[in-house]
Protein backbone atom coordinates (compact mmCIF):
# COMPACT_ATOMS: atom_id res chain seq x y z
CA MET A 1 81.93 -2.55 169.74
CA LYS A 2 79.49 -0.30 169.06
CA LYS A 3 79.69 1.91 165.80
CA LEU A 4 81.28 5.68 165.76
CA PRO A 5 78.61 8.06 164.19
CA LEU A 6 81.31 10.36 162.82
CA GLY A 7 79.20 12.71 160.52
CA ILE A 8 76.10 11.91 162.18
CA GLN A 9 73.50 14.40 163.23
CA ASN A 10 70.22 12.97 163.82
CA PHE A 11 69.55 11.32 167.23
CA ARG A 12 67.04 8.45 165.54
CA LYS A 13 69.89 7.25 163.46
CA ILE A 14 72.35 6.77 166.15
CA ARG A 15 69.47 5.24 168.72
CA GLU A 16 68.11 3.03 165.89
CA GLY A 17 71.45 2.27 164.34
CA GLY A 18 73.20 1.10 167.66
CA TYR A 19 75.96 3.66 167.46
CA VAL A 20 77.47 5.30 170.71
CA TYR A 21 75.63 7.93 171.77
CA VAL A 22 77.00 10.53 174.59
CA ASP A 23 74.31 10.69 176.83
CA LYS A 24 73.17 14.74 176.73
CA THR A 25 69.22 14.21 177.93
CA GLN A 26 69.89 15.76 181.28
CA TYR A 27 70.73 18.94 179.89
CA VAL A 28 67.76 18.11 177.84
CA TYR A 29 65.73 17.98 180.57
CA ASN A 30 66.79 20.79 182.10
CA ILE A 31 66.28 22.91 179.17
CA ILE A 32 63.08 22.09 178.86
CA ASN A 33 61.90 22.64 182.48
CA ASP A 34 63.70 25.58 183.17
CA GLY A 35 62.85 27.97 180.28
CA SER A 36 61.54 28.95 177.16
CA TYR A 37 63.90 31.19 174.91
CA TYR A 38 67.64 30.35 174.71
CA PHE A 39 70.62 31.00 173.03
CA LEU A 40 74.30 28.82 172.66
CA SER A 41 77.02 29.93 171.08
CA ARG A 42 79.44 26.94 170.24
CA PRO A 43 82.14 26.25 167.59
CA ARG A 44 81.28 24.75 163.98
CA ARG A 45 81.43 20.40 164.82
CA PHE A 46 81.19 20.58 167.86
CA GLY A 47 77.43 18.58 167.86
CA LYS A 48 75.00 21.76 168.02
CA SER A 49 73.17 19.82 165.15
CA LEU A 50 72.91 16.91 167.88
CA LEU A 51 71.76 18.64 170.37
CA LEU A 52 69.17 20.16 168.52
CA ASP A 53 68.04 17.36 167.34
CA THR A 54 67.96 15.39 170.26
CA ILE A 55 65.42 18.21 171.95
CA GLY A 56 62.77 17.96 168.84
CA GLU A 57 62.92 14.10 169.46
CA ALA A 58 62.23 14.89 173.09
CA PHE A 59 58.94 16.40 171.48
CA SER A 60 58.26 13.81 169.28
CA GLY A 61 56.21 11.84 172.08
CA ASP A 62 58.33 8.77 171.39
CA ARG A 63 59.40 7.83 175.12
CA GLU A 64 61.22 4.21 173.85
CA LEU A 65 63.53 6.42 171.81
CA PHE A 66 65.28 7.40 175.05
CA LYS A 67 65.61 4.20 176.35
CA GLY A 68 68.63 3.62 178.77
CA LEU A 69 69.36 7.33 179.32
CA TRP A 70 69.25 9.86 181.96
CA ILE A 71 65.74 11.15 181.18
CA TYR A 72 63.91 8.37 179.99
CA ASN A 73 63.70 7.45 184.02
CA SER A 74 63.30 11.18 184.98
CA ASP A 75 59.68 12.54 185.72
CA TYR A 76 59.57 14.28 182.37
CA GLY A 77 55.93 13.03 180.28
CA PHE A 78 57.16 13.44 176.61
CA GLU A 79 54.40 15.18 175.72
CA LYS A 80 54.65 15.73 171.99
CA HIS A 81 54.39 19.13 170.46
CA PRO A 82 55.00 20.13 166.81
CA VAL A 83 58.61 21.23 165.98
CA ILE A 84 59.98 24.06 163.59
CA ARG A 85 63.43 22.68 162.61
CA LEU A 86 65.40 25.57 160.62
CA ASP A 87 68.99 24.86 159.78
CA MET A 88 70.24 28.13 158.57
CA SER A 89 73.24 26.28 156.91
CA ASN A 90 70.88 25.14 153.98
CA ILE A 91 69.62 28.77 152.92
CA ALA A 92 71.09 30.38 150.20
CA ASN A 93 72.58 33.60 151.31
CA ARG A 94 74.47 35.21 148.33
CA THR A 95 72.22 37.80 148.53
CA PRO A 96 69.08 39.68 151.27
CA ASP A 97 67.18 38.60 148.38
CA ILE A 98 68.24 34.93 148.00
CA LEU A 99 68.35 34.83 151.63
CA GLU A 100 64.42 35.62 151.66
CA SER A 101 63.96 33.35 148.98
CA SER A 102 65.49 30.59 150.34
CA LEU A 103 63.47 31.13 153.71
CA ALA A 104 60.43 31.56 152.19
CA ALA A 105 60.92 27.84 150.00
CA SER A 106 62.20 26.59 153.11
CA LEU A 107 58.82 27.29 154.93
CA ASN A 108 56.34 27.19 152.52
CA LYS A 109 57.85 23.22 152.01
CA ARG A 110 56.82 22.59 155.84
CA VAL A 111 53.66 24.38 155.20
CA SER A 112 52.58 22.04 152.04
CA ALA A 113 53.79 19.21 154.00
CA GLU A 114 51.27 19.97 157.12
CA GLY A 115 48.37 20.95 154.21
CA LEU A 116 48.19 24.18 155.65
CA ASP A 117 46.73 27.40 153.83
CA ILE A 118 49.24 30.13 154.30
CA THR A 119 49.37 32.55 151.15
CA ALA A 120 51.99 35.15 152.92
CA ASP A 121 55.40 35.68 150.57
CA ILE A 122 57.54 37.71 153.24
CA PRO A 123 59.35 34.80 154.84
CA SER A 124 58.33 36.49 158.70
CA ASP A 125 54.79 36.66 158.17
CA ILE A 126 55.44 32.99 156.69
CA PHE A 127 57.08 31.80 159.62
CA LYS A 128 54.12 33.78 162.01
CA PHE A 129 51.49 32.18 160.21
CA LEU A 130 53.21 28.97 160.34
CA ILE A 131 53.19 29.10 164.28
CA GLU A 132 49.92 29.70 164.84
CA ASP A 133 48.53 27.53 162.05
CA LEU A 134 50.71 24.67 163.66
CA HIS A 135 49.30 25.69 167.43
CA THR A 136 46.01 25.52 166.24
CA LYS A 137 46.12 22.40 164.17
CA TYR A 138 48.04 20.03 167.29
CA ASN A 139 46.33 22.11 170.07
CA GLN A 140 49.81 22.06 171.31
CA ARG A 141 52.12 25.28 171.59
CA VAL A 142 55.23 24.70 169.42
CA VAL A 143 58.46 23.85 169.43
CA VAL A 144 61.20 26.57 167.29
CA LEU A 145 64.66 25.07 166.91
CA ILE A 146 67.21 27.46 165.07
CA ASP A 147 70.28 25.93 163.87
CA GLU A 148 73.25 28.02 162.86
CA TYR A 149 71.11 30.85 162.92
CA ASP A 150 74.36 33.26 161.77
CA LYS A 151 75.46 31.26 158.54
CA PRO A 152 74.22 33.98 156.23
CA ILE A 153 76.31 36.60 157.91
CA LEU A 154 79.23 34.48 158.43
CA ASP A 155 79.40 33.59 154.80
CA ARG A 156 79.60 36.90 153.35
CA LEU A 157 82.09 38.48 155.72
CA GLU A 158 84.64 39.36 153.17
CA ASP A 159 81.73 41.72 151.76
CA ILE A 160 80.52 43.62 155.06
CA GLU A 161 77.75 45.31 153.24
CA THR A 162 76.27 42.02 152.34
CA ALA A 163 76.76 40.52 155.80
CA LYS A 164 74.96 43.67 157.01
CA ALA A 165 72.32 43.46 154.99
CA ASN A 166 71.61 39.69 155.55
CA ARG A 167 71.58 40.89 159.03
CA ASP A 168 69.16 42.87 159.03
CA VAL A 169 66.86 40.11 156.71
CA LEU A 170 67.38 37.78 159.56
CA LYS A 171 66.66 40.83 162.50
CA GLY A 172 63.44 41.18 161.06
CA PHE A 173 62.56 37.01 160.62
CA TYR A 174 64.11 36.15 164.31
CA GLY A 175 61.89 39.35 165.53
CA ILE A 176 58.19 37.60 165.30
CA LEU A 177 59.22 35.03 168.18
CA LYS A 178 58.55 37.48 171.10
CA SER A 179 55.08 38.76 169.54
CA MET A 180 54.00 34.40 169.22
CA ASP A 181 54.96 33.55 173.08
CA PRO A 182 51.51 32.33 173.61
CA HIS A 183 52.07 29.83 170.89
CA LEU A 184 55.54 28.38 171.70
CA ARG A 185 56.47 26.16 173.81
CA LEU A 186 60.47 26.12 173.44
CA THR A 187 62.68 28.07 171.52
CA PHE A 188 66.38 26.62 170.70
CA THR A 189 68.85 29.42 168.67
CA THR A 190 72.38 27.90 168.02
CA GLY A 191 75.57 29.62 166.03
CA VAL A 192 79.12 29.72 165.86
CA SER A 193 79.24 33.63 167.05
CA LYS A 194 77.90 35.63 169.75
CA PHE A 195 78.97 38.82 168.05
CA THR A 196 75.56 39.09 166.14
CA LYS A 197 73.08 38.02 169.04
CA THR A 198 72.51 41.44 170.64
CA SER A 199 71.39 42.98 167.34
CA ILE A 200 69.99 40.54 165.94
CA PHE A 201 67.61 39.17 168.89
CA SER A 202 67.10 42.82 170.52
CA ASP A 203 63.94 42.61 170.33
CA LEU A 204 64.20 39.20 172.54
CA ASN A 205 65.10 40.57 175.81
CA ASN A 206 63.53 37.40 177.85
CA LEU A 207 66.43 35.42 175.43
CA LEU A 208 68.41 33.15 178.13
CA ASP A 209 72.49 32.99 176.87
CA ILE A 210 73.56 29.31 177.97
CA THR A 211 77.12 29.91 176.02
CA LEU A 212 79.07 30.75 179.66
CA THR A 213 76.87 29.25 182.07
CA GLU A 214 78.81 26.69 184.52
CA GLU A 215 75.43 24.93 184.54
CA TYR A 216 75.74 24.21 180.60
CA ALA A 217 79.53 24.00 179.84
CA SER A 218 79.61 20.74 178.80
CA ILE A 219 76.32 20.55 176.78
CA CYS A 220 78.42 19.89 173.97
CA GLY A 221 81.65 18.24 173.29
CA ILE A 222 82.93 15.11 175.23
CA ALA A 223 83.63 14.84 178.97
CA THR A 224 86.93 13.58 179.93
CA GLU A 225 85.43 10.83 181.78
CA ASP A 226 83.06 10.10 178.66
CA LEU A 227 86.06 8.99 177.06
CA GLY A 228 86.82 5.81 178.72
CA LYS A 229 83.74 5.15 179.32
CA HIS A 230 82.36 4.96 175.54
CA PHE A 231 85.38 4.80 173.87
CA SER A 232 87.88 2.58 175.55
CA GLU A 233 86.99 -0.86 173.21
CA HIS A 234 87.93 1.76 170.44
CA ILE A 235 91.21 2.62 172.10
CA GLU A 236 92.18 0.13 173.50
CA HIS A 237 91.51 -1.38 169.77
CA LEU A 238 93.71 0.76 168.20
CA ALA A 239 96.67 0.40 171.04
CA GLN A 240 97.01 -2.53 169.86
CA LEU A 241 98.23 -1.72 166.26
CA GLU A 242 101.97 -1.29 165.39
CA LYS A 243 101.78 2.27 164.94
CA PHE A 244 100.65 3.45 168.49
CA LYS A 245 102.74 0.73 170.40
CA GLN A 246 104.88 3.09 171.15
CA HIS A 247 102.93 5.33 172.87
CA PHE A 248 103.16 5.41 176.48
CA SER A 249 99.68 6.35 177.15
CA LEU A 250 97.55 6.74 174.29
CA ASN A 251 94.64 7.93 176.32
CA ASP A 252 96.87 10.96 177.38
CA GLU A 253 97.99 11.64 174.06
CA ILE A 254 94.23 11.89 172.52
CA LEU A 255 93.94 13.87 175.18
CA ALA A 256 96.74 16.14 174.27
CA TRP A 257 95.51 16.12 170.72
CA TYR A 258 91.72 17.19 171.10
CA ASP A 259 90.85 18.08 174.92
CA GLY A 260 91.02 21.08 176.60
CA TYR A 261 87.67 22.96 175.01
CA SER A 262 86.00 25.11 178.02
CA TRP A 263 83.23 27.62 178.58
CA ASP A 264 83.52 28.02 182.07
CA GLY A 265 87.44 27.92 182.93
CA GLN A 266 86.44 24.21 184.96
CA ALA A 267 84.63 21.83 182.84
CA ARG A 268 87.12 20.78 179.84
CA VAL A 269 85.39 18.92 177.25
CA ILE A 270 87.15 16.75 174.46
CA ASN A 271 86.09 18.21 170.58
CA PRO A 272 83.73 15.36 169.41
CA PHE A 273 84.57 15.87 165.04
CA SER A 274 88.21 14.67 165.96
CA LEU A 275 88.16 12.04 168.22
CA LEU A 276 85.76 10.56 165.84
CA SER A 277 87.88 10.85 163.21
CA PHE A 278 90.77 10.12 165.21
CA LEU A 279 89.28 6.49 165.91
CA THR A 280 87.65 6.43 162.37
CA GLN A 281 91.30 7.13 160.57
CA LYS A 282 93.37 5.72 162.92
CA LYS A 283 95.44 8.95 163.15
CA PHE A 284 96.74 11.66 164.73
CA ALA A 285 96.06 14.76 162.63
CA SER A 286 94.10 18.52 162.74
CA PHE A 287 90.91 16.75 161.49
CA TRP A 288 88.34 19.63 163.00
CA TYR A 289 91.12 22.52 161.74
CA ALA A 290 90.91 20.80 157.94
CA SER A 291 87.15 20.77 158.04
CA GLY A 292 87.54 24.44 157.49
CA THR A 293 89.31 27.51 158.13
CA PRO A 294 86.99 31.03 157.57
CA LYS A 295 89.46 32.90 155.34
CA PHE A 296 87.51 35.79 157.43
CA LEU A 297 89.67 35.10 160.20
CA MET A 298 93.22 35.23 158.32
CA ASP A 299 92.09 38.63 156.31
CA LEU A 300 91.28 39.98 160.19
CA ILE A 301 94.47 38.46 161.46
CA LYS A 302 96.54 39.96 158.19
CA LYS A 303 94.99 43.50 159.32
CA ASP A 304 96.19 43.23 162.75
CA PRO A 305 99.01 41.12 162.93
CA GLY A 306 99.85 42.29 166.63
CA ALA A 307 96.67 40.30 167.25
CA TYR A 308 98.57 37.15 166.70
CA ALA A 309 101.20 37.83 169.25
CA SER A 310 99.33 38.83 171.70
CA LEU A 311 96.95 35.55 171.94
CA ALA A 312 98.67 34.22 174.32
CA ASN A 313 96.60 34.96 178.00
CA LEU A 314 94.05 37.14 176.42
CA LYS A 315 91.77 38.42 178.05
CA ILE A 316 87.89 39.41 177.59
CA THR A 317 84.92 39.86 179.51
CA GLU A 318 80.85 39.02 178.55
CA THR A 319 79.91 42.76 178.10
CA MET A 320 82.88 42.27 175.21
CA LEU A 321 81.70 39.90 173.60
CA ASP A 322 77.98 40.73 173.55
CA SER A 323 78.79 44.29 172.01
CA ALA A 324 80.89 43.35 169.57
CA ASP A 325 78.76 43.20 166.01
CA ILE A 326 79.96 43.14 162.44
CA ASP A 327 80.92 46.98 162.22
CA ASP A 328 83.10 45.94 164.60
CA ILE A 329 84.74 42.82 164.55
CA GLU A 330 88.17 42.21 166.81
CA ALA A 331 89.99 39.06 165.71
CA GLU A 332 90.63 37.85 169.40
CA LEU A 333 87.17 37.92 169.96
CA LEU A 334 86.14 35.96 166.86
CA LEU A 335 88.73 33.45 167.51
CA PHE A 336 87.24 32.45 170.83
CA GLN A 337 83.73 32.16 169.38
CA THR A 338 84.94 30.14 166.37
CA GLY A 339 86.75 27.81 168.26
CA TYR A 340 90.48 29.03 167.98
CA LEU A 341 90.52 29.59 171.73
CA THR A 342 89.04 28.58 174.73
CA VAL A 343 88.76 29.37 178.60
CA LYS A 344 91.84 28.55 180.25
CA GLU A 345 90.43 30.54 183.46
CA ILE A 346 88.04 33.02 185.20
CA ALA A 347 89.75 35.69 187.23
CA TYR A 348 87.45 38.94 188.48
CA ASP A 349 87.96 42.56 188.06
CA MET A 350 85.68 44.77 190.09
CA ASN A 351 83.61 42.00 190.36
CA GLU A 352 82.96 41.48 186.78
CA GLU A 353 84.22 37.80 185.33
CA VAL A 354 86.90 38.18 182.97
CA PHE A 355 87.84 35.20 180.70
CA VAL A 356 91.54 34.18 180.04
CA LEU A 357 91.33 32.50 176.75
CA GLY A 358 94.43 30.60 175.04
CA MET A 359 94.74 27.43 172.26
CA PRO A 360 92.66 24.46 173.38
CA ASN A 361 94.84 21.87 172.45
CA SER A 362 97.76 20.75 169.74
CA GLU A 363 95.55 20.09 167.12
CA VAL A 364 94.74 23.90 167.14
CA ARG A 365 97.78 25.12 167.80
CA LYS A 366 99.96 22.60 164.94
CA ALA A 367 97.27 23.30 161.95
CA PHE A 368 96.47 27.41 163.38
CA ASP A 369 100.58 28.26 163.45
CA LEU A 370 101.02 26.64 160.02
CA HIS A 371 97.71 28.13 158.92
CA VAL A 372 98.88 31.65 159.49
CA ALA A 373 102.70 31.18 158.68
CA ALA A 374 101.60 30.69 155.16
CA ALA A 375 99.07 33.07 155.20
CA PHE A 376 101.40 36.14 156.52
CA THR A 377 103.92 34.60 154.15
CA GLY A 378 101.47 34.02 150.74
CA LYS A 379 103.28 30.57 150.29
CA LYS A 380 102.53 26.52 150.70
CA GLN A 381 102.06 25.20 153.63
CA ALA A 382 105.17 22.88 152.57
CA PHE A 383 107.20 25.97 151.98
CA VAL A 384 106.75 26.91 155.67
CA LYS A 385 107.48 23.47 156.66
CA ASN A 386 110.56 23.26 154.78
CA ALA A 387 111.64 26.42 156.65
CA ARG A 388 110.97 25.04 159.58
CA LEU A 389 113.44 21.68 159.37
CA GLU A 390 116.21 24.46 158.34
CA ILE A 391 115.47 26.56 161.40
CA THR A 392 115.02 23.43 163.71
CA GLU A 393 118.56 22.42 162.38
CA ALA A 394 120.28 25.80 163.05
CA LEU A 395 118.72 25.95 166.63
CA GLU A 396 119.65 22.78 167.57
CA ASN A 397 122.95 24.02 166.64
CA GLY A 398 123.06 27.62 168.14
CA ASP A 399 123.58 28.36 164.64
CA LEU A 400 121.81 31.82 164.60
CA HIS A 401 123.15 33.17 161.71
CA LYS A 402 121.74 29.95 159.32
CA MET A 403 118.78 30.97 160.94
CA LEU A 404 118.76 34.25 160.25
CA GLU A 405 119.43 32.93 155.88
CA SER A 406 116.58 31.08 156.38
CA LEU A 407 114.46 34.07 157.67
CA ARG A 408 115.57 36.27 154.99
CA GLY A 409 114.91 33.72 152.45
CA LEU A 410 110.98 33.05 153.89
CA PHE A 411 110.47 37.19 154.41
CA ALA A 412 112.45 37.51 150.90
CA SER A 413 109.09 35.08 149.39
CA ILE A 414 106.31 37.05 150.95
CA PRO A 415 104.57 39.10 148.19
CA TYR A 416 104.54 42.74 147.76
CA GLU A 417 100.58 42.88 148.36
CA LEU A 418 100.55 40.67 151.84
CA HIS A 419 103.51 42.47 153.26
CA VAL A 420 102.83 45.25 156.18
CA ASN A 421 105.31 47.62 156.87
CA ARG A 422 104.80 47.10 160.53
CA GLU A 423 106.99 45.31 162.99
CA ALA A 424 104.09 43.96 164.87
CA TYR A 425 104.11 42.10 161.41
CA TYR A 426 107.40 40.93 161.62
CA HIS A 427 107.10 39.77 164.86
CA SER A 428 103.73 37.85 164.09
CA VAL A 429 105.33 35.93 160.93
CA PHE A 430 108.52 34.79 163.15
CA TYR A 431 106.34 33.69 166.30
CA ALA A 432 103.90 31.61 163.73
CA VAL A 433 107.17 30.00 162.37
CA MET A 434 108.35 29.16 165.68
CA ASN A 435 105.27 27.88 166.98
CA VAL A 436 105.08 25.83 164.10
CA LEU A 437 108.36 23.96 164.74
CA GLY A 438 107.06 23.44 168.05
CA PHE A 439 109.18 25.76 170.36
CA ASP A 440 108.53 26.47 173.60
CA ILE A 441 108.13 29.99 172.40
CA ASP A 442 106.51 32.41 174.28
CA ALA A 443 105.28 36.48 172.87
CA GLU A 444 105.35 39.71 174.72
CA VAL A 445 106.41 38.27 177.86
CA PRO A 446 106.09 40.72 180.91
CA VAL A 447 108.66 41.16 183.24
CA SER A 448 110.08 43.70 185.40
CA GLY A 449 111.69 45.94 183.09
CA GLY A 450 109.09 45.36 180.01
CA ARG A 451 107.81 43.40 177.47
CA VAL A 452 109.94 40.79 175.27
CA ASP A 453 109.28 40.64 172.37
CA ALA A 454 109.93 36.91 172.05
CA VAL A 455 110.95 34.46 174.45
CA MET A 456 112.47 30.44 173.36
CA GLU A 457 113.77 27.36 174.80
CA LEU A 458 115.43 24.53 173.54
CA GLY A 459 117.04 21.83 175.38
CA ASP A 460 120.06 23.43 177.25
CA LYS A 461 119.60 26.63 175.29
CA ALA A 462 117.60 29.87 175.88
CA TYR A 463 116.91 33.00 173.15
CA VAL A 464 116.15 35.88 174.09
CA MET A 465 114.77 38.24 171.28
CA GLU A 466 113.74 41.87 170.67
CA PHE A 467 112.45 42.77 166.60
CA LYS A 468 112.93 46.70 165.48
CA TYR A 469 111.08 48.11 162.51
CA VAL A 470 112.84 50.88 160.72
CA LYS A 471 110.75 52.23 157.64
CA CYS A 472 113.23 52.78 154.31
CA GLU A 473 112.74 53.52 151.24
CA GLN A 474 112.43 51.13 148.49
CA GLY A 475 116.42 51.90 146.91
CA ALA A 476 118.07 53.28 149.32
CA GLU A 477 121.51 53.72 149.07
CA PRO A 478 124.01 50.64 151.18
CA GLU A 479 125.07 53.34 152.94
CA LEU A 480 121.61 54.59 154.92
CA LYS A 481 120.22 51.28 155.33
CA ASN A 482 123.65 50.25 157.04
CA GLU A 483 122.94 53.00 159.46
CA LEU A 484 119.54 52.26 160.39
CA PHE A 485 120.86 48.73 160.60
CA GLU A 486 123.30 49.86 162.94
CA LYS A 487 120.91 52.12 165.07
CA ALA A 488 118.50 49.44 165.07
CA LEU A 489 120.30 46.72 166.24
CA LYS A 490 122.32 48.54 169.22
CA GLU A 491 118.34 49.75 170.50
CA GLY A 492 117.03 46.64 170.32
CA MET A 493 120.00 44.74 171.85
CA GLY A 494 120.21 47.82 174.46
CA GLN A 495 116.59 47.62 175.84
CA ILE A 496 117.32 43.50 176.00
CA LYS A 497 119.76 44.42 178.55
CA SER A 498 118.60 47.14 180.27
CA ARG A 499 115.82 46.44 180.68
CA GLY A 500 117.28 42.79 182.65
CA TYR A 501 114.98 40.85 179.66
CA ALA A 502 117.08 37.67 180.47
CA LYS A 503 117.35 37.93 184.25
CA LYS A 504 115.41 35.20 184.62
CA TYR A 505 117.85 32.87 183.02
CA GLU A 506 120.62 33.44 185.23
CA GLY A 507 121.87 30.26 187.35
CA SER A 508 119.71 28.08 185.29
CA GLY A 509 122.92 26.66 183.52
CA LYS A 510 121.22 27.07 179.66
CA LYS A 511 123.12 28.81 177.88
CA VAL A 512 121.52 32.29 176.48
CA HIS A 513 121.63 33.86 173.60
CA LEU A 514 120.67 37.34 173.19
CA ALA A 515 119.00 38.18 169.58
CA ALA A 516 118.28 42.05 168.29
CA PHE A 517 116.60 41.61 165.18
CA ALA A 518 116.24 44.81 162.70
CA PHE A 519 114.17 44.66 159.72
CA LEU A 520 114.11 47.54 156.95
CA GLY A 521 111.72 46.13 155.33
CA ARG A 522 110.59 42.88 153.34
CA ASP A 523 113.97 42.19 151.92
CA ASP A 524 116.07 43.65 154.27
CA ILE A 525 116.79 41.65 157.72
CA GLU A 526 120.17 41.85 159.90
CA MET A 527 120.88 40.23 163.85
CA ALA A 528 122.91 41.12 166.51
CA VAL A 529 123.69 38.16 168.36
CA GLU A 530 125.52 37.95 172.12
CA GLU A 531 125.65 35.03 174.38
CA LEU A 532 125.70 35.44 177.85
CA ILE A 533 127.97 33.07 180.03
């Protein structure tokens, strides 16, 4: 069996070291021949760095390194060009001054290695002179590869002013590329986000964004057909292990856990980091998710809890992606760009493409829901897992009152500084917990009479739920609380019935439970339940 290249982003090391390599060189060939300025957004740990390194090696002049790959037998001439590779994840960015100093140091290291005489201090000037001098030295135009272009911004989103200042530094730095056109053979820029693309690269009006282009939908990640082609021996070996013998189809379970990413709504790819981690560690786990969940994402969701409950079948347009910037970040767009949502299908509205988004697979859904529940409640994930077990038992027994006790404990544990006095907050915490439990739950379900807050199915039971929040001053008298509870519960149950929220279950044979929840605050939750016969 070939070795697994987990964590290896160096094309030469993979090829010379006998590691598995999923051939992406036809994409490399098309990139080299079809354009000059490219931009690609993909989530972290998705093979962007390896792709850039492969492009860089294609300009090294070493044709034999590509023997056996698609590009080797093509008409590509493997002409050697000088390559500048900038990995922004290795550039310090705590402040704009540190960012500029680190950029200058990185470029000057290359200047020294090339034996060039450049005395500039400003990073953009060093960059400009380096490109010109390399062109002169090698009499070949220069290839510029920029990896994780947005890292200095994403790292500082918790301090928006520093993020903006870093953005301005990068805008000036990247901006010199347009004036360098006579000296450039190719530029290829990758990053996680698109929301800064327009503002940072506004001067590069010839930049080709291939992020959502059908032709390049599978440029990163592992296509489903490549799973068997390149990893069948490893999968067959695992299938013989005792802990995997009970699986009906290990291939199918791998796909359920790690497949499902798409940028055109058709071609779907497997998360390479998660697949390689699974094959190496021989267990199913949320490897990609555990490798780093940005705190700013959870902060955004806590500020807008309604966004979490409305993630199912979320719709966006490319215009929305391109027009967003750090001054106006929406959690939904950032969740897509960072890999927590993916394109499920593409629809059309007035000739504009509309991207329907959803969670890509089990790995992301299981880990994300657990993380959101923990973030909303301010508790460790172990605490949420314990609540999950209690609620599971209650629902399996059809005992909603027992479930209510668990929910009360969960909400009462929320620190006051995290608590949000909004109906969407309670709705979202409940939705997160139910998803963590693995229930078939839908939020904001459209029906003819309106939108149901939550619908959940478990075996022969179905639960139709409505949430109501009523503001109540802390320390209010019990009589007032009872009056508010009674009014809210009556309104919630009346809404379920009058709008026919449970109509879809007529004749289904399921036991249907109608549940209205009323929240007066962090410590006050009541519920009204009726069972349809």
